Amino acid sequence: DQLIKQGVPPAVEGESPAQKKNRLATETFLNMPYTRQLRQLINFGALRPILDEYSTDSMRQKFMEQYGETLLEGLEIEHLIPDPNGTITADDIGDKELLDKRDESTDRFS
């Protein structure tokens, strides 16, 4: 948001080739559609604190506090909660005899 509000940095007299390259890259990036910007950020690893399996919980939490509202805007989030009755068992599925019975004629590896 801040970059978009500020706009592209103006050319500075006497800027180095590296500064000019950075300025032009920023301008190109800011002129892209939002969805493409997001895809580019993902490709460049901007989401690493969330996706990196070696990131600590505190790093992920800090990242989500900073950028979570933007990243999750418009997404439906499902919350998984444990079943108070416990895990699903064979009795919950149906006929236990049917589950235990094997049709040996269709066993490929017997």
C-alpha atoms as a PDB file:
ATOM      1  CA  ASP A   1       0.000   0.000   0.000  1.00  0.00           C
ATOM      2  CA  GLN A   2       2.694   2.456   0.993  1.00  0.00           C
ATOM      3  CA  LEU A   3       4.651   1.948  -2.243  1.00  0.00           C
ATOM      4  CA  ILE A   4       1.545   2.400  -4.360  1.00  0.00           C
ATOM      5  CA  LYS A   5       0.571   5.574  -2.496  1.00  0.00           C
ATOM      6  CA  GLN A   6       4.062   7.034  -2.843  1.00  0.00           C
ATOM      7  CA  GLY A   7       4.282   6.046  -6.481  1.00  0.00           C
ATOM      8  CA  VAL A   8       7.387   5.344  -8.464  1.00  0.00           C
ATOM      9  CA  PRO A   9      10.483   7.057  -7.103  1.00  0.00           C
ATOM     10  CA  PRO A  10      11.545   9.913  -9.392  1.00  0.00           C
ATOM     11  CA  ALA A  11      14.793   9.825 -11.307  1.00  0.00           C
ATOM     12  CA  VAL A  12      17.594  11.447  -9.337  1.00  0.00           C
ATOM     13  CA  GLU A  13      20.278  13.467 -11.080  1.00  0.00           C
ATOM     14  CA  GLY A  14      23.514  11.524 -11.068  1.00  0.00           C
ATOM     15  CA  GLU A  15      21.898   8.201 -10.140  1.00  0.00           C
ATOM     16  CA  SER A  16      24.119   5.175 -10.616  1.00  0.00           C
ATOM     17  CA  PRO A  17      23.250   2.456 -13.137  1.00  0.00           C
ATOM     18  CA  ALA A  18      22.266   0.194 -10.222  1.00  0.00           C
ATOM     19  CA  GLN A  19      19.910   2.857  -8.801  1.00  0.00           C
ATOM     20  CA  LYS A  20      18.356   3.400 -12.240  1.00  0.00           C
ATOM     21  CA  LYS A  21      17.875  -0.347 -12.680  1.00  0.00           C
ATOM     22  CA  ASN A  22      16.183  -0.587  -9.260  1.00  0.00           C
ATOM     23  CA  ARG A  23      13.950   2.394  -9.997  1.00  0.00           C
ATOM     24  CA  LEU A  24      12.859   0.956 -13.356  1.00  0.00           C
ATOM     25  CA  ALA A  25      12.240  -2.464 -11.809  1.00  0.00           C
ATOM     26  CA  THR A  26      10.076  -0.860  -9.116  1.00  0.00           C
ATOM     27  CA  GLU A  27       8.159   1.095 -11.752  1.00  0.00           C
ATOM     28  CA  THR A  28       7.577  -2.049 -13.816  1.00  0.00           C
ATOM     29  CA  PHE A  29       6.423  -3.975 -10.773  1.00  0.00           C
ATOM     30  CA  LEU A  30       4.019  -1.266  -9.579  1.00  0.00           C
ATOM     31  CA  ASN A  31       2.469  -1.005 -13.044  1.00  0.00           C
ATOM     32  CA  MET A  32       1.551  -4.711 -13.082  1.00  0.00           C
ATOM     33  CA  PRO A  33      -1.983  -5.852 -12.174  1.00  0.00           C
ATOM     34  CA  TYR A  34      -2.353  -6.750  -8.495  1.00  0.00           C
ATOM     35  CA  THR A  35      -2.753 -10.493  -9.123  1.00  0.00           C
ATOM     36  CA  ARG A  36       0.452 -10.570 -11.144  1.00  0.00           C
ATOM     37  CA  GLN A  37       2.269  -8.618  -8.424  1.00  0.00           C
ATOM     38  CA  LEU A  38       1.146 -11.172  -5.869  1.00  0.00           C
ATOM     39  CA  ARG A  39       2.264 -14.064  -8.091  1.00  0.00           C
ATOM     40  CA  GLN A  40       5.662 -12.411  -8.568  1.00  0.00           C
ATOM     41  CA  LEU A  41       6.082 -11.903  -4.833  1.00  0.00           C
ATOM     42  CA  ILE A  42       5.335 -15.552  -4.254  1.00  0.00           C
ATOM     43  CA  ASN A  43       7.833 -16.530  -6.946  1.00  0.00           C
ATOM     44  CA  PHE A  44      10.486 -14.331  -5.364  1.00  0.00           C
ATOM     45  CA  GLY A  45      10.021 -15.959  -1.997  1.00  0.00           C
ATOM     46  CA  ALA A  46       8.347 -13.090  -0.195  1.00  0.00           C
ATOM     47  CA  LEU A  47       6.175 -15.614   1.593  1.00  0.00           C
ATOM     48  CA  ARG A  48       9.141 -17.597   2.871  1.00  0.00           C
ATOM     49  CA  PRO A  49       8.417 -16.908   6.562  1.00  0.00           C
ATOM     50  CA  ILE A  50       5.073 -18.670   6.081  1.00  0.00           C
ATOM     51  CA  LEU A  51       6.112 -21.463   3.721  1.00  0.00           C
ATOM     52  CA  ASP A  52       9.600 -22.334   4.979  1.00  0.00           C
ATOM     53  CA  GLU A  53       9.418 -25.420   7.176  1.00  0.00           C
ATOM     54  CA  TYR A  54      12.413 -24.129   9.155  1.00  0.00           C
ATOM     55  CA  SER A  55      10.696 -20.847  10.088  1.00  0.00           C
ATOM     56  CA  THR A  56       9.829 -20.552  13.739  1.00  0.00           C
ATOM     57  CA  ASP A  57       6.278 -20.031  14.950  1.00  0.00           C
ATOM     58  CA  SER A  58       7.220 -16.548  16.090  1.00  0.00           C
ATOM     59  CA  MET A  59       8.481 -15.657  12.583  1.00  0.00           C
ATOM     60  CA  ARG A  60       5.223 -16.904  11.046  1.00  0.00           C
ATOM     61  CA  GLN A  61       3.154 -15.042  13.626  1.00  0.00           C
ATOM     62  CA  LYS A  62       5.041 -11.793  13.027  1.00  0.00           C
ATOM     63  CA  PHE A  63       4.622 -12.154   9.243  1.00  0.00           C
ATOM     64  CA  MET A  64       0.891 -12.834   9.573  1.00  0.00           C
ATOM     65  CA  GLU A  65       0.445  -9.878  11.912  1.00  0.00           C
ATOM     66  CA  GLN A  66       2.082  -7.621   9.310  1.00  0.00           C
ATOM     67  CA  TYR A  67       0.621  -9.014   6.084  1.00  0.00           C
ATOM     68  CA  GLY A  68      -2.178 -11.411   7.023  1.00  0.00           C
ATOM     69  CA  GLU A  69      -5.034  -9.011   6.395  1.00  0.00           C
ATOM     70  CA  THR A  70      -3.823  -8.345   2.852  1.00  0.00           C
ATOM     71  CA  LEU A  71      -2.988 -11.951   2.031  1.00  0.00           C
ATOM     72  CA  LEU A  72      -6.211 -13.406   3.391  1.00  0.00           C
ATOM     73  CA  GLU A  73      -8.567 -10.730   2.090  1.00  0.00           C
ATOM     74  CA  GLY A  74     -11.560 -12.357   0.433  1.00  0.00           C
ATOM     75  CA  LEU A  75     -10.574 -15.923   1.311  1.00  0.00           C
ATOM     76  CA  GLU A  76     -12.925 -18.292   3.058  1.00  0.00           C
ATOM     77  CA  ILE A  77     -11.108 -20.048   5.867  1.00  0.00           C
ATOM     78  CA  GLU A  78     -12.136 -23.440   7.192  1.00  0.00           C
ATOM     79  CA  HIS A  79     -11.467 -24.270  10.806  1.00  0.00           C
ATOM     80  CA  LEU A  80     -10.886 -27.906  11.669  1.00  0.00           C
ATOM     81  CA  ILE A  81     -11.855 -28.853  15.189  1.00  0.00           C
ATOM     82  CA  PRO A  82     -11.613 -32.246  16.885  1.00  0.00           C
ATOM     83  CA  ASP A  83     -14.792 -34.311  17.043  1.00  0.00           C
ATOM     84  CA  PRO A  84     -15.952 -34.466  20.673  1.00  0.00           C
ATOM     85  CA  ASN A  85     -16.956 -38.107  20.082  1.00  0.00           C
ATOM     86  CA  GLY A  86     -13.417 -39.120  19.081  1.00  0.00           C
ATOM     87  CA  THR A  87     -12.037 -40.511  15.852  1.00  0.00           C
ATOM     88  CA  ILE A  88     -14.039 -42.373  13.205  1.00  0.00           C
ATOM     89  CA  THR A  89     -14.100 -46.134  13.733  1.00  0.00           C
ATOM     90  CA  ALA A  90     -15.224 -49.093  11.611  1.00  0.00           C
ATOM     91  CA  ASP A  91     -18.507 -49.097  13.553  1.00  0.00           C
ATOM     92  CA  ASP A  92     -19.175 -45.538  12.347  1.00  0.00           C
ATOM     93  CA  ILE A  93     -18.666 -46.532   8.706  1.00  0.00           C
ATOM     94  CA  GLY A  94     -21.048 -49.452   8.584  1.00  0.00           C
ATOM     95  CA  ASP A  95     -21.016 -53.233   8.562  1.00  0.00           C
ATOM     96  CA  LYS A  96     -17.889 -54.372  10.401  1.00  0.00           C
ATOM     97  CA  GLU A  97     -18.124 -57.853   8.863  1.00  0.00           C
ATOM     98  CA  LEU A  98     -18.045 -56.329   5.400  1.00  0.00           C
ATOM     99  CA  LEU A  99     -14.923 -54.389   6.315  1.00  0.00           C
ATOM    100  CA  ASP A 100     -13.224 -57.488   7.755  1.00  0.00           C
ATOM    101  CA  LYS A 101     -14.241 -59.816   4.908  1.00  0.00           C
ATOM    102  CA  ARG A 102     -11.755 -60.003   2.057  1.00  0.00           C
ATOM    103  CA  ASP A 103     -12.634 -61.117  -1.429  1.00  0.00           C
ATOM    104  CA  GLU A 104      -9.585 -63.232  -2.144  1.00  0.00           C
ATOM    105  CA  SER A 105     -10.476 -63.601  -5.823  1.00  0.00           C
ATOM    106  CA  THR A 106      -9.721 -59.907  -6.350  1.00  0.00           C
ATOM    107  CA  ASP A 107      -6.526 -59.789  -4.312  1.00  0.00           C
ATOM    108  CA  ARG A 108      -3.885 -58.841  -6.838  1.00  0.00           C
ATOM    109  CA  PHE A 109      -0.859 -59.671  -4.705  1.00  0.00           C
ATOM    110  CA  SER A 110      -1.881 -62.836  -2.873  1.00  0.00           C
END
